[in-house]
Protein backbone atom coordinates (compact mmCIF):
# COMPACT_ATOMS: atom_id res chain seq x y z
CA MET A 1 43.63 147.78 113.88
CA VAL A 2 42.81 144.29 115.19
CA ASN A 3 39.33 144.12 116.67
CA ASP A 4 39.19 143.11 120.31
CA PRO A 5 37.04 139.97 120.52
CA LEU A 6 35.87 141.05 123.94
CA SER A 7 34.66 144.46 122.86
CA PRO A 8 31.29 145.09 121.29
CA PRO A 9 31.48 146.96 118.02
CA GLY A 10 30.87 150.64 118.32
CA PRO A 11 32.49 154.04 118.37
CA HIS A 12 34.04 153.48 121.80
CA ALA A 13 35.88 150.31 120.91
CA ALA A 14 38.92 152.17 119.72
CA HIS A 15 39.29 153.97 123.00
CA GLY A 16 39.22 150.93 125.25
CA GLU A 17 35.93 151.84 126.92
CA THR A 18 34.88 148.23 127.34
CA THR A 19 33.88 145.93 130.12
CA GLY A 20 34.25 142.20 130.48
CA PRO A 21 31.51 140.01 129.02
CA SER A 22 28.75 138.74 131.25
CA VAL A 23 28.64 135.07 132.12
CA ALA A 24 25.41 134.70 130.15
CA GLY A 25 27.06 136.31 127.15
CA LEU A 26 29.99 133.93 127.38
CA LEU A 27 27.77 130.85 127.70
CA ARG A 28 25.17 131.88 125.12
CA PRO A 29 27.02 130.20 122.17
CA HIS A 30 26.82 126.90 124.07
CA GLY A 31 23.08 127.05 124.75
CA ARG A 32 22.23 124.00 122.62
CA ASP A 33 24.84 121.89 124.38
CA PHE A 34 23.45 122.94 127.76
CA ALA A 35 19.95 122.00 126.61
CA ALA A 36 21.21 118.61 125.40
CA VAL A 37 22.87 117.93 128.77
CA VAL A 38 19.64 118.76 130.61
CA VAL A 39 17.34 116.77 128.31
CA LEU A 40 19.56 113.67 128.37
CA ARG A 41 19.88 113.84 132.16
CA VAL A 42 16.10 114.27 132.64
CA ILE A 43 15.30 111.30 130.42
CA GLY A 44 17.84 109.16 132.25
CA ALA A 45 16.60 110.28 135.66
CA VAL A 46 12.93 109.63 134.88
CA ALA A 47 13.83 106.26 133.38
CA GLY A 48 15.62 105.48 136.62
CA LEU A 49 12.26 105.48 138.38
CA ALA A 50 11.22 102.40 136.40
CA PRO A 51 13.12 99.88 138.60
CA LEU A 52 11.63 101.43 141.75
CA LEU A 53 8.13 101.44 140.33
CA ALA A 54 8.68 97.86 139.19
CA VAL A 55 9.56 96.86 142.76
CA VAL A 56 6.45 98.66 144.03
CA GLU A 57 4.23 96.92 141.48
CA LEU A 58 5.82 93.55 142.23
CA GLY A 59 5.19 94.06 145.94
CA ARG A 60 1.58 94.92 145.35
CA ALA A 61 1.13 91.97 143.00
CA LEU A 62 2.77 89.50 145.38
CA LEU A 63 0.97 90.84 148.47
CA SER A 64 -2.46 90.95 146.87
CA PRO A 65 -4.83 88.03 147.58
CA GLY A 66 -5.33 85.38 144.93
CA PRO A 67 -2.98 83.67 142.44
CA VAL A 68 0.06 85.53 141.01
CA ASP A 69 -0.12 86.52 137.35
CA ARG A 70 3.29 85.34 136.09
CA GLY A 71 2.96 87.14 132.76
CA HIS A 72 2.32 90.41 134.55
CA VAL A 73 5.27 89.81 136.89
CA TRP A 74 7.70 89.22 134.00
CA THR A 75 6.37 92.27 132.18
CA VAL A 76 7.06 94.40 135.26
CA VAL A 77 10.56 92.91 135.63
CA LEU A 78 11.43 93.57 131.98
CA ALA A 79 10.06 97.10 132.20
CA GLY A 80 12.24 97.77 135.25
CA ALA A 81 15.33 96.35 133.51
CA ALA A 82 14.64 98.41 130.38
CA GLY A 83 14.28 101.55 132.51
CA LEU A 84 17.62 100.83 134.21
CA LEU A 85 19.34 100.38 130.82
CA VAL A 86 17.87 103.63 129.50
CA ARG A 87 19.01 105.40 132.66
CA LEU A 88 22.58 104.16 132.25
CA LEU A 89 22.77 105.08 128.56
CA PHE A 90 21.26 108.55 128.86
CA THR A 91 23.11 109.45 132.06
CA ALA A 92 26.42 108.44 130.44
CA ALA A 93 25.56 110.46 127.35
CA SER A 94 24.67 113.47 129.48
CA SER A 95 27.92 113.20 131.41
CA GLY A 96 29.96 112.91 128.21
CA VAL A 97 28.31 115.90 126.55
CA GLY A 98 28.62 117.89 129.80
CA HIS A 99 32.35 117.29 130.10
CA LEU A 100 32.94 118.15 126.46
CA LEU A 101 30.93 121.33 127.03
CA ASP A 102 32.99 122.08 130.14
CA GLY A 103 36.19 121.79 128.10
CA ARG A 104 34.89 124.22 125.48
CA VAL A 105 33.67 126.71 128.09
CA GLN A 106 36.96 126.64 129.98
CA LEU A 107 38.82 127.10 126.70
CA ALA A 108 36.59 130.09 125.94
CA PHE A 109 37.33 131.58 129.37
CA ARG A 110 41.08 131.14 128.95
CA ARG A 111 41.04 132.56 125.44
CA GLN A 112 39.11 135.56 126.70
CA LEU A 113 41.58 136.03 129.55
CA ALA A 114 44.57 135.62 127.24
CA ALA A 115 43.10 138.13 124.80
CA ARG A 116 42.41 140.65 127.55
CA LEU A 117 45.76 140.22 129.31
CA GLY A 118 47.46 140.61 125.96
CA ARG A 119 45.79 143.99 125.49
CA VAL A 120 46.02 145.59 128.94
CA PRO A 121 48.81 148.12 129.60
CA ILE A 122 52.03 146.36 130.60
CA GLY A 123 52.28 148.54 133.67
CA TRP A 124 49.03 147.00 134.99
CA PHE A 125 50.94 143.79 135.73
CA SER A 126 53.46 145.56 137.95
CA HIS A 127 50.72 146.15 140.55
CA ARG A 128 49.35 142.60 140.45
CA ARG A 129 50.64 139.59 142.31
CA THR A 130 51.76 136.67 140.16
CA GLY A 131 49.90 134.23 142.42
CA GLU A 132 46.62 136.11 142.06
CA LEU A 133 46.73 136.14 138.25
CA ALA A 134 47.83 132.49 138.17
CA LYS A 135 44.84 131.64 140.39
CA VAL A 136 42.43 133.45 138.06
CA VAL A 137 43.72 131.83 134.86
CA GLY A 138 44.21 128.40 136.46
CA ASP A 139 42.20 127.65 139.58
CA ASP A 140 39.30 130.04 139.02
CA VAL A 141 38.67 128.82 135.47
CA SER A 142 38.82 125.21 136.70
CA ALA A 143 36.38 126.06 139.51
CA VAL A 144 33.53 126.42 136.99
CA HIS A 145 33.81 122.72 136.11
CA PRO A 146 31.08 121.47 138.50
CA VAL A 147 28.68 124.20 137.43
CA ILE A 148 29.17 123.41 133.74
CA ALA A 149 29.63 119.64 133.67
CA HIS A 150 27.40 118.50 136.53
CA THR A 151 25.15 121.06 138.18
CA PRO A 152 22.68 121.94 135.35
CA GLY A 153 21.65 118.36 134.61
CA GLU A 154 21.77 117.23 138.21
CA LEU A 155 19.65 120.10 139.50
CA VAL A 156 17.03 119.75 136.79
CA SER A 157 16.78 115.99 137.24
CA ALA A 158 16.75 116.45 141.02
CA PHE A 159 13.55 118.48 140.66
CA VAL A 160 11.91 116.52 137.84
CA VAL A 161 12.25 113.10 139.48
CA PRO A 162 10.68 114.16 142.81
CA LEU A 163 7.84 115.88 140.98
CA VAL A 164 7.07 112.70 139.04
CA SER A 165 7.37 110.64 142.23
CA LEU A 166 5.21 113.11 144.13
CA ALA A 167 2.47 112.96 141.50
CA TYR A 168 2.52 109.16 141.69
CA LEU A 169 2.43 109.10 145.52
CA VAL A 170 -0.45 111.59 145.70
CA THR A 171 -2.58 109.15 143.70
CA ILE A 172 -1.98 106.54 146.41
CA ASP A 173 -2.47 108.62 149.57
CA TRP A 174 -2.20 112.39 149.87
CA ARG A 175 -1.89 112.35 153.68
CA LEU A 176 1.20 110.13 153.77
CA THR A 177 2.62 112.18 150.89
CA LEU A 178 2.54 115.30 153.06
CA ILE A 179 4.14 113.41 155.95
CA THR A 180 6.91 112.21 153.61
CA LEU A 181 7.69 115.86 152.73
CA ILE A 182 8.45 116.81 156.36
CA PRO A 183 12.24 116.08 156.20
CA MET A 184 12.60 118.20 153.05
CA LEU A 185 10.70 121.10 154.62
CA LEU A 186 12.97 120.98 157.70
CA ALA A 187 16.08 121.10 155.50
CA VAL A 188 14.70 123.98 153.40
CA ALA A 189 14.07 125.97 156.58
CA LEU A 190 17.80 125.74 157.39
CA VAL A 191 19.04 126.99 153.97
CA PRO A 192 18.66 130.74 154.74
CA LEU A 193 21.08 130.29 157.66
CA LEU A 194 23.82 129.59 155.10
CA MET A 195 23.12 132.87 153.29
CA THR A 196 23.47 135.30 156.19
CA PRO A 197 25.87 138.27 155.88
CA ALA A 198 28.18 136.62 158.43
CA ARG A 199 28.46 133.47 156.30
CA GLN A 200 29.08 135.55 153.17
CA ARG A 201 31.78 137.53 154.97
CA GLU A 202 33.45 134.34 156.16
CA GLN A 203 33.45 132.98 152.60
CA THR A 204 35.03 136.20 151.29
CA GLU A 205 37.71 136.01 153.98
CA PHE A 206 38.29 132.36 153.10
CA ASP A 207 38.79 133.20 149.40
CA ALA A 208 41.17 136.05 150.27
CA ALA A 209 43.22 133.81 152.57
CA MET A 210 43.42 131.17 149.84
CA GLY A 211 44.69 133.82 147.41
CA ARG A 212 47.35 134.98 149.87
CA ILE A 213 48.66 131.49 150.51
CA SER A 214 48.76 130.76 146.76
CA HIS A 215 50.71 133.98 146.21
CA SER A 216 53.18 133.20 149.01
CA VAL A 217 53.83 129.74 147.58
CA VAL A 218 54.45 131.10 144.06
CA GLU A 219 56.74 133.87 145.29
CA PHE A 220 58.69 131.54 147.55
CA VAL A 221 59.24 128.94 144.82
CA GLN A 222 60.20 131.54 142.20
CA GLY A 223 62.63 133.31 144.53
CA ILE A 224 64.08 130.31 146.37
CA SER A 225 67.52 130.70 144.80
CA VAL A 226 67.80 134.35 145.83
CA VAL A 227 66.42 133.58 149.30
CA LYS A 228 68.99 130.85 149.90
CA ALA A 229 71.87 132.87 148.44
CA PHE A 230 71.28 135.78 150.80
CA GLY A 231 70.38 133.76 153.85
CA GLY A 232 66.74 134.83 153.92
CA ALA A 233 65.24 131.35 154.11
CA GLY A 234 64.02 131.88 157.65
CA ARG A 235 62.19 135.07 156.76
CA ALA A 236 60.69 133.51 153.62
CA HIS A 237 59.49 130.50 155.61
CA ARG A 238 57.99 132.83 158.22
CA GLU A 239 56.04 134.65 155.52
CA PHE A 240 54.67 131.36 154.23
CA ARG A 241 53.86 130.14 157.73
CA THR A 242 52.11 133.42 158.49
CA ALA A 243 49.93 133.02 155.38
CA ALA A 244 49.26 129.36 156.24
CA ASP A 245 48.34 130.17 159.84
CA ALA A 246 46.00 132.94 158.69
CA PHE A 247 44.36 130.51 156.28
CA VAL A 248 43.88 127.92 159.02
CA ASP A 249 42.29 130.50 161.33
CA THR A 250 39.97 131.67 158.55
CA PHE A 251 39.09 128.08 157.66
CA HIS A 252 38.24 127.28 161.28
CA ARG A 253 35.93 130.29 161.49
CA TRP A 254 34.22 129.27 158.27
CA VAL A 255 33.77 125.66 159.43
CA ARG A 256 32.40 126.73 162.81
CA GLY A 257 29.90 128.98 161.04
CA VAL A 258 28.46 126.37 158.70
CA SER A 259 29.06 123.05 160.46
CA GLY A 260 25.96 123.19 162.70
CA VAL A 261 23.61 124.12 159.87
CA ALA A 262 25.18 121.60 157.51
CA ALA A 263 24.87 118.83 160.11
CA GLY A 264 21.21 119.66 160.66
CA MET A 265 20.48 119.55 156.93
CA GLN A 266 22.33 116.27 156.47
CA THR A 267 20.45 114.71 159.38
CA ALA A 268 17.06 115.84 158.05
CA LEU A 269 17.81 114.48 154.58
CA SER A 270 19.51 111.27 155.69
CA PRO A 271 17.79 107.99 154.67
CA PRO A 272 17.36 106.77 158.27
CA PHE A 273 15.52 109.95 159.31
CA VAL A 274 13.33 109.95 156.17
CA LEU A 275 12.46 106.26 156.66
CA LEU A 276 11.68 106.89 160.33
CA VAL A 277 9.26 109.71 159.46
CA VAL A 278 7.56 107.60 156.75
CA LEU A 279 7.28 104.54 159.01
CA ILE A 280 5.79 106.55 161.88
CA GLY A 281 3.28 108.25 159.59
CA GLY A 282 2.49 105.05 157.70
CA ALA A 283 2.06 103.01 160.86
CA THR A 284 -0.32 105.61 162.25
CA LEU A 285 -2.46 105.54 159.10
CA ILE A 286 -2.40 101.74 158.85
CA THR A 287 -3.43 101.18 162.48
CA THR A 288 -6.33 103.59 162.06
CA GLY A 289 -7.46 101.78 158.95
CA ARG A 290 -6.88 104.70 156.55
CA LEU A 291 -4.05 103.05 154.57
CA ALA A 292 -3.61 99.54 153.22
CA PRO A 293 -0.33 97.90 154.37
CA ALA A 294 0.80 97.26 150.77
CA ASP A 295 0.47 100.98 149.99
CA LEU A 296 3.28 101.81 152.46
CA LEU A 297 5.86 100.20 150.14
CA PRO A 298 5.95 102.96 147.44
CA PHE A 299 6.45 105.63 150.12
CA LEU A 300 9.39 103.72 151.61
CA LEU A 301 11.05 103.38 148.19
CA LEU A 302 10.18 106.70 146.54
CA GLY A 303 10.09 108.84 149.65
CA LEU A 304 13.88 109.01 149.74
CA GLY A 305 13.89 110.63 146.29
CA LEU A 306 11.69 113.51 147.41
CA THR A 307 14.60 114.98 149.36
CA ALA A 308 16.84 115.07 146.26
CA PRO A 309 16.32 118.78 145.41
CA VAL A 310 17.46 119.98 148.83
CA ALA A 311 20.21 117.35 148.97
CA ALA A 312 21.45 118.51 145.56
CA LEU A 313 21.43 122.13 146.70
CA GLY A 314 23.22 121.20 149.91
CA HIS A 315 25.95 119.17 148.22
CA GLY A 316 26.35 121.67 145.40
CA PHE A 317 26.18 124.77 147.59
CA ASP A 318 29.94 125.06 148.05
CA ASP A 319 30.60 124.42 144.35
CA LEU A 320 28.05 127.04 143.31
CA ARG A 321 29.41 129.60 145.76
CA THR A 322 33.03 128.88 144.78
CA ALA A 323 32.17 129.11 141.10
CA ARG A 324 30.33 132.39 141.63
CA ALA A 325 33.34 133.92 143.39
CA ALA A 326 35.69 132.53 140.71
CA VAL A 327 33.59 133.93 137.87
CA GLY A 328 33.53 137.29 139.66
CA ARG A 329 37.34 137.40 139.72
CA ILE A 330 37.48 136.31 136.08
CA ARG A 331 35.08 139.09 135.11
CA ASP A 332 37.19 141.58 137.06
CA VAL A 333 40.16 140.71 134.86
CA LEU A 334 38.06 140.71 131.70
CA ALA A 335 36.75 144.15 132.67
CA VAL A 336 40.23 145.72 132.77
CA PRO A 337 40.26 148.33 129.99
CA PRO A 338 42.68 147.38 127.23
CA LEU A 339 45.40 149.75 126.13
CA PRO A 340 43.54 152.27 123.95
CA GLU A 341 44.27 151.72 120.28
CA PRO A 342 43.76 154.46 117.69
CA ALA A 343 41.07 153.90 115.09
CA ARG A 344 43.48 155.18 112.40
CA PRO A 345 47.10 154.66 113.47
CA VAL A 346 49.63 157.26 112.32
CA ALA A 347 53.22 156.37 111.43
CA PRO A 348 55.97 158.42 113.14
CA ARG A 349 58.13 160.74 111.08
CA GLY A 350 61.57 159.93 112.42
CA HIS A 351 62.39 158.99 115.99
CA ARG A 352 62.86 162.23 117.86
CA VAL A 353 61.22 161.83 121.28
CA GLU A 354 59.47 164.74 123.00
CA LEU A 355 57.92 164.73 126.46
CA CYS A 356 55.64 167.75 126.75
CA ASP A 357 54.44 168.78 130.24
CA VAL A 358 54.08 165.14 131.32
CA TRP A 359 52.34 164.40 134.62
CA PHE A 360 51.69 160.92 135.91
CA GLY A 361 50.34 159.34 139.09
CA TYR A 362 49.36 155.78 139.91
CA GLU A 363 45.79 154.95 140.86
CA GLY A 364 44.83 156.53 144.14
CA GLY A 365 48.30 157.98 144.72
CA ARG A 366 50.10 161.28 144.42
CA GLU A 367 51.69 162.51 141.21
CA VAL A 368 54.95 160.63 140.63
CA LEU A 369 56.02 162.83 137.69
CA ARG A 370 55.29 166.55 137.58
CA GLY A 371 55.57 168.69 134.49
CA ILE A 372 58.33 166.80 132.65
CA ASP A 373 59.58 168.57 129.50
CA LEU A 374 62.32 166.66 127.72
CA VAL A 375 63.61 166.15 124.17
CA LEU A 376 65.63 163.09 123.16
CA GLU A 377 67.44 163.74 119.92
CA PRO A 378 68.24 160.92 117.48
CA GLY A 379 71.76 159.60 117.84
CA THR A 380 72.11 160.66 121.48
CA VAL A 381 72.23 158.94 124.84
CA THR A 382 70.23 160.56 127.64
CA ALA A 383 70.98 159.38 131.17
CA VAL A 384 68.41 159.83 133.93
CA VAL A 385 69.80 160.08 137.45
CA GLY A 386 68.32 160.87 140.83
CA PRO A 387 67.77 159.53 144.32
CA SER A 388 65.55 156.55 145.02
CA GLY A 389 61.87 157.42 144.61
CA SER A 390 62.52 160.38 142.32
CA GLY A 391 60.48 158.85 139.46
CA LYS A 392 63.25 157.51 137.22
CA SER A 393 61.73 154.08 136.56
CA THR A 394 58.28 155.56 136.06
CA LEU A 395 59.66 158.02 133.50
CA VAL A 396 61.35 155.37 131.35
CA LYS A 397 58.26 153.14 131.48
CA LEU A 398 56.14 155.85 129.86
CA LEU A 399 58.14 155.73 126.64
CA PRO A 400 57.31 152.06 125.79
CA ARG A 401 53.77 152.96 126.94
CA PHE A 402 53.52 150.82 130.03
CA PHE A 403 51.25 153.67 131.17
CA ASP A 404 49.78 156.75 129.54
CA PRO A 405 50.49 160.17 131.08
CA THR A 406 47.84 161.60 133.35
CA ARG A 407 48.40 164.94 131.62
CA GLY A 408 50.61 166.07 128.79
CA SER A 409 51.87 163.99 125.87
CA ILE A 410 54.82 161.94 124.66
CA ARG A 411 55.62 162.23 120.97
CA LEU A 412 57.69 159.97 118.74
CA GLY A 413 58.55 161.45 115.37
CA GLY A 414 56.01 164.20 115.97
CA VAL A 415 53.17 161.73 116.69
CA ASP A 416 51.58 161.22 120.11
CA LEU A 417 52.23 157.65 121.31
CA ARG A 418 48.46 157.23 121.76
CA GLU A 419 48.06 157.73 118.00
CA LEU A 420 50.51 154.93 117.22
CA GLY A 421 49.32 151.35 116.94
CA SER A 422 50.98 148.92 119.35
CA ARG A 423 52.80 147.10 116.57
CA GLU A 424 54.12 150.34 115.17
CA LEU A 425 55.17 151.50 118.64
CA TYR A 426 57.16 148.35 119.42
CA ARG A 427 58.77 148.36 116.00
CA ASN A 428 60.21 151.73 116.95
CA VAL A 429 60.77 151.33 120.70
CA SER A 430 62.49 148.43 122.44
CA PHE A 431 63.38 148.17 126.10
CA VAL A 432 65.47 146.15 128.55
CA PHE A 433 64.76 146.31 132.27
CA GLN A 434 66.42 144.77 135.30
CA ASP A 435 63.65 142.26 135.95
CA VAL A 436 64.01 140.04 132.88
CA ARG A 437 61.51 137.24 132.20
CA LEU A 438 62.52 134.66 129.60
CA LEU A 439 60.15 132.26 127.89
CA ARG A 440 60.31 128.51 128.35
CA ALA A 441 61.68 128.22 124.83
CA SER A 442 65.03 127.86 123.13
CA VAL A 443 67.73 130.49 123.53
CA ALA A 444 67.41 131.34 119.83
CA ASP A 445 63.64 131.81 120.12
CA ASN A 446 64.08 134.04 123.17
CA ILE A 447 66.55 136.26 121.33
CA ALA A 448 64.41 136.33 118.17
CA LEU A 449 61.20 137.10 120.06
CA ALA A 450 60.88 140.59 118.56
CA ALA A 451 62.21 139.45 115.16
CA PRO A 452 60.80 135.93 114.65
CA HIS A 453 61.92 135.73 111.03
CA ALA A 454 65.58 136.43 111.81
CA ASP A 455 67.98 133.71 110.70
CA ARG A 456 70.47 131.97 112.97
CA ASP A 457 73.41 134.11 111.81
CA ALA A 458 71.58 137.29 112.86
CA VAL A 459 70.76 135.74 116.25
CA VAL A 460 74.40 134.78 116.80
CA ARG A 461 75.62 138.27 115.85
CA ALA A 462 73.23 139.83 118.36
CA ALA A 463 74.39 137.39 121.04
CA ARG A 464 78.03 138.25 120.34
CA ARG A 465 77.35 141.95 120.69
CA ALA A 466 75.52 141.30 123.95
CA GLN A 467 78.53 139.30 125.27
CA ILE A 468 76.47 136.14 125.77
CA HIS A 469 77.57 134.01 122.78
CA GLU A 470 80.31 132.09 124.61
CA ARG A 471 77.98 131.22 127.48
CA VAL A 472 75.32 129.97 125.04
CA LEU A 473 77.83 127.61 123.44
CA GLU A 474 78.42 126.04 126.87
CA LEU A 475 74.74 125.07 127.16
CA PRO A 476 73.74 121.45 126.37
CA ARG A 477 72.40 122.19 122.90
CA GLY A 478 73.74 125.67 122.33
CA TYR A 479 71.16 128.01 120.86
CA ASP A 480 68.58 125.20 120.75
CA THR A 481 68.70 124.72 124.54
CA VAL A 482 65.29 125.25 126.15
CA ILE A 483 65.61 127.72 129.02
CA GLY A 484 64.03 126.47 132.22
CA GLU A 485 64.02 122.83 131.12
CA GLU A 486 67.49 121.94 129.85
CA ALA A 487 69.42 124.76 131.51
CA GLY A 488 69.05 127.80 133.74
CA LEU A 489 70.64 131.22 133.40
CA SER A 490 71.85 133.64 136.02
CA GLY A 491 70.39 137.13 136.35
CA GLY A 492 73.22 138.71 134.37
CA GLU A 493 72.99 136.09 131.63
CA ALA A 494 69.23 136.58 131.36
CA GLN A 495 69.81 140.34 131.05
CA ARG A 496 72.27 139.80 128.21
CA ILE A 497 69.77 137.54 126.43
CA ALA A 498 67.26 140.42 126.69
CA ILE A 499 69.91 142.86 125.41
CA ALA A 500 70.62 140.56 122.46
CA ARG A 501 66.88 140.55 121.77
CA ALA A 502 66.84 144.36 121.75
CA LEU A 503 69.90 144.50 119.49
CA LEU A 504 68.32 142.05 117.04
CA ALA A 505 65.09 144.06 116.98
CA ASP A 506 67.24 147.09 116.05
CA ALA A 507 64.51 149.55 117.07
CA PRO A 508 65.52 153.22 116.59
CA VAL A 509 64.58 154.04 120.20
CA LEU A 510 66.02 152.03 123.10
CA VAL A 511 65.00 152.30 126.76
CA LEU A 512 67.23 150.81 129.46
CA ASP A 513 66.55 150.50 133.19
CA GLU A 514 69.36 148.79 135.09
CA ALA A 515 69.81 146.58 132.04
CA THR A 516 73.36 145.55 133.03
CA SER A 517 73.02 145.68 136.82
CA PHE A 518 74.19 142.04 137.21
CA ALA A 519 77.13 142.33 134.78
CA ASP A 520 80.76 142.76 135.74
CA PRO A 521 82.38 146.11 134.75
CA ARG A 522 84.20 144.72 131.70
CA THR A 523 81.09 143.01 130.33
CA GLU A 524 79.00 146.09 131.04
CA GLN A 525 81.43 148.29 129.15
CA ALA A 526 81.35 146.00 126.10
CA VAL A 527 77.55 145.80 126.17
CA ARG A 528 77.23 149.56 126.61
CA ARG A 529 79.50 150.09 123.61
CA ALA A 530 77.33 147.73 121.53
CA LEU A 531 74.17 149.57 122.55
CA ALA A 532 75.61 153.02 121.93
CA THR A 533 77.01 152.35 118.43
CA PRO A 534 74.06 151.24 116.31
CA ALA A 535 74.03 151.12 112.55
CA GLY A 536 71.85 154.23 112.45
CA ASP A 537 71.13 157.14 114.75
CA ARG A 538 69.51 155.34 117.68
CA THR A 539 67.88 157.33 120.47
CA VAL A 540 68.81 155.90 123.87
CA LEU A 541 67.18 156.68 127.23
CA VAL A 542 68.88 154.99 130.16
CA ILE A 543 68.61 155.06 133.94
CA ALA A 544 72.22 155.55 135.04
CA HIS A 545 73.43 153.78 138.16
CA ARG A 546 77.15 153.77 137.41
CA LEU A 547 79.45 156.70 136.87
CA GLU A 548 80.72 155.32 133.55
CA THR A 549 77.22 155.44 132.10
CA VAL A 550 76.76 159.03 133.22
CA ALA A 551 80.13 160.09 131.81
CA ASP A 552 79.38 158.56 128.40
CA ALA A 553 75.95 160.20 128.07
CA ASP A 554 75.30 163.15 125.79
CA THR A 555 72.73 164.59 128.17
CA VAL A 556 72.12 164.03 131.86
CA VAL A 557 68.70 164.64 133.39
CA MET A 558 68.58 164.99 137.18
CA LEU A 559 65.22 164.08 138.76
CA ALA A 560 64.10 164.91 142.29
CA ASP A 561 60.59 164.40 143.65
CA GLY A 562 59.20 163.72 140.18
CA ALA A 563 60.52 166.91 138.54
CA ILE A 564 63.60 167.77 136.47
CA VAL A 565 65.90 169.89 138.63
CA GLU A 566 68.96 169.94 136.32
CA ARG A 567 69.84 168.90 132.79
CA GLY A 568 72.82 169.27 130.47
CA ARG A 569 76.11 167.67 129.51
CA PRO A 570 77.93 165.92 132.36
CA ALA A 571 80.86 168.35 132.37
CA GLU A 572 78.55 171.36 132.36
CA LEU A 573 76.53 170.05 135.30
CA LEU A 574 79.68 169.32 137.30
CA ALA A 575 80.92 172.86 136.65
CA ARG A 576 77.67 174.30 138.02
CA ASN A 577 78.37 172.58 141.35
CA GLY A 578 74.65 172.02 141.91
CA ARG A 579 72.58 169.02 142.85
CA PHE A 580 74.04 166.78 140.14
CA ALA A 581 77.57 167.62 141.27
CA ALA A 582 76.67 166.66 144.83
CA PHE A 583 75.04 163.47 143.53
CA TRP A 584 78.17 162.70 141.49
CA ARG A 585 80.49 163.23 144.47
CA SER A 586 78.38 161.03 146.73
CA HIS A 587 78.49 158.23 144.17
CA ARG A 588 82.23 158.59 143.67
CA SER A 589 82.69 158.37 147.43
CA ALA A 590 80.50 155.25 147.60
CA VAL A 591 82.41 153.59 144.75
CA ALA A 592 85.73 154.43 146.42
CA ASP A 593 84.56 152.89 149.68
CA GLU A 594 83.44 149.71 147.89
CA THR A 595 86.77 149.49 146.03
CA GLN A 596 88.75 149.93 149.24
CA ALA A 597 86.65 147.25 150.92
CA ASP A 598 87.31 144.87 148.04
CA ASP A 599 91.06 145.62 148.19
CA ASP A 600 91.16 144.98 151.93
CA ALA A 601 89.23 141.72 151.73
CA PRO A 602 91.37 138.56 152.02
CA ARG A 603 91.74 136.57 148.82
CA GLY A 604 92.74 132.99 148.12
CA ASP A 605 94.94 131.58 150.85
CA GLU A 606 95.64 134.90 152.58
CA PRO A 607 95.22 134.72 156.32
CA ARG A 608 91.88 136.02 157.57
């Protein structure tokens, strides 16, 4: 068993009872780097006060009565220049270390996500939108960049510099120091207005609308060929426009909610307002004789820096809030329980498949399968038939363990699937479904995915049996052609690549769900013959959508409302004249109607 890097060691690790790591736990290994970023930024920020203090000291020296001490002036100038150089060097170093740290943290996030997504049940993905997962792995991980690379050092320096400045100003005049703090206090008083439940709700709605528009874009781009082929472009565009309009409405509500408060904070912290407050207060003190005119200069120069903490919070508020929401979604994915792995995997004894009183229901829904008892003998083909919604696809997805039964058990070679390790399971069970996803890799690599050490001759033999060899030779570089970059494949061709992959894997148990739905009858017959005549005694479970598949099966299982209502050999079930016979007749009638329609359709140059 391979230990899950996300799971703490303990007796529950083998059963998948884990949660995603906390943010602190994920960042703890990078604590020294965070400390280095903060220390470098603080040194640079404090050194940046030297030029300002030099200007203050020069002003005092030049405005004071008596001759100017040139040596003192040059010392002040050099000290200010040295402080500026130190600021540049240390700030650059802090930024460099922070961005390197950001890269490592984002890599850690993505590795954690990849590890978790590689361990969750495959069926979990069927209930998740592609756009949402892409946003988590891509946009949400990138959204932590400001918090990692910028915020820690900037926030710390934003508080340290004003504190140093404040201590210096208090030594000059405590009354004008308090007056200089007025703009910051006004801005701080407005911060709670950004944290109200209404603002939080608007932000949540904004994030949800952003997720919906991302999903609609991904789905539209991925399905553009199908949309155009079937004339559904208008509907697809409407769906995208609906998502875009909803996003605009949500964005307007969010802007209206925060714009007034944000404008007030920006006005209070703006240099003109701060200077106005300092000048009014300073002029009052000077005219009453309580402040020397030269002492106003440090307040005019350093007073602007006192507002830095609130300004930093204001400018970084959106980044912090966005990062918090992004990290929450990342942790939700990391908290998905992985597929439970046995502590001591057991090897199956043969490949006889037994479904014993299997019940299954999706989260929060009714039972889709109810009390399924079924035996698949080695060397046989079992066809599952039934009306739409009867549970056929759910049943075949339990065998490759996309889900675990709610109740009951599924046994392979006398061993419960939950006692098999994943590697052992997929060495014994392969599957081909209608919705085929190929990797952006060569044709040969896609076929050899389940058997990476197979040589080229074995790959070609599998492609020939899957009736895809001739099409591969037509590609720009044959079997070395990269799918999705150098060439594209149709739905039927992609299915046959997946079938070649299953044939090359040569697993003793094969599960098929509409695996040849895009193939023409002749190709389907050749592929079906290749699948049904393995070198050994392969166990085949197939969802049957065509009469030929049903007729060739050793056993037919009729499902209705999640339960088996009939089973047996095709001829026996027809002789019973029950539900399967009625199902058979309805399909024969539908096929006859389609054939007649094809015969009546004009062809070539026939008049229409």
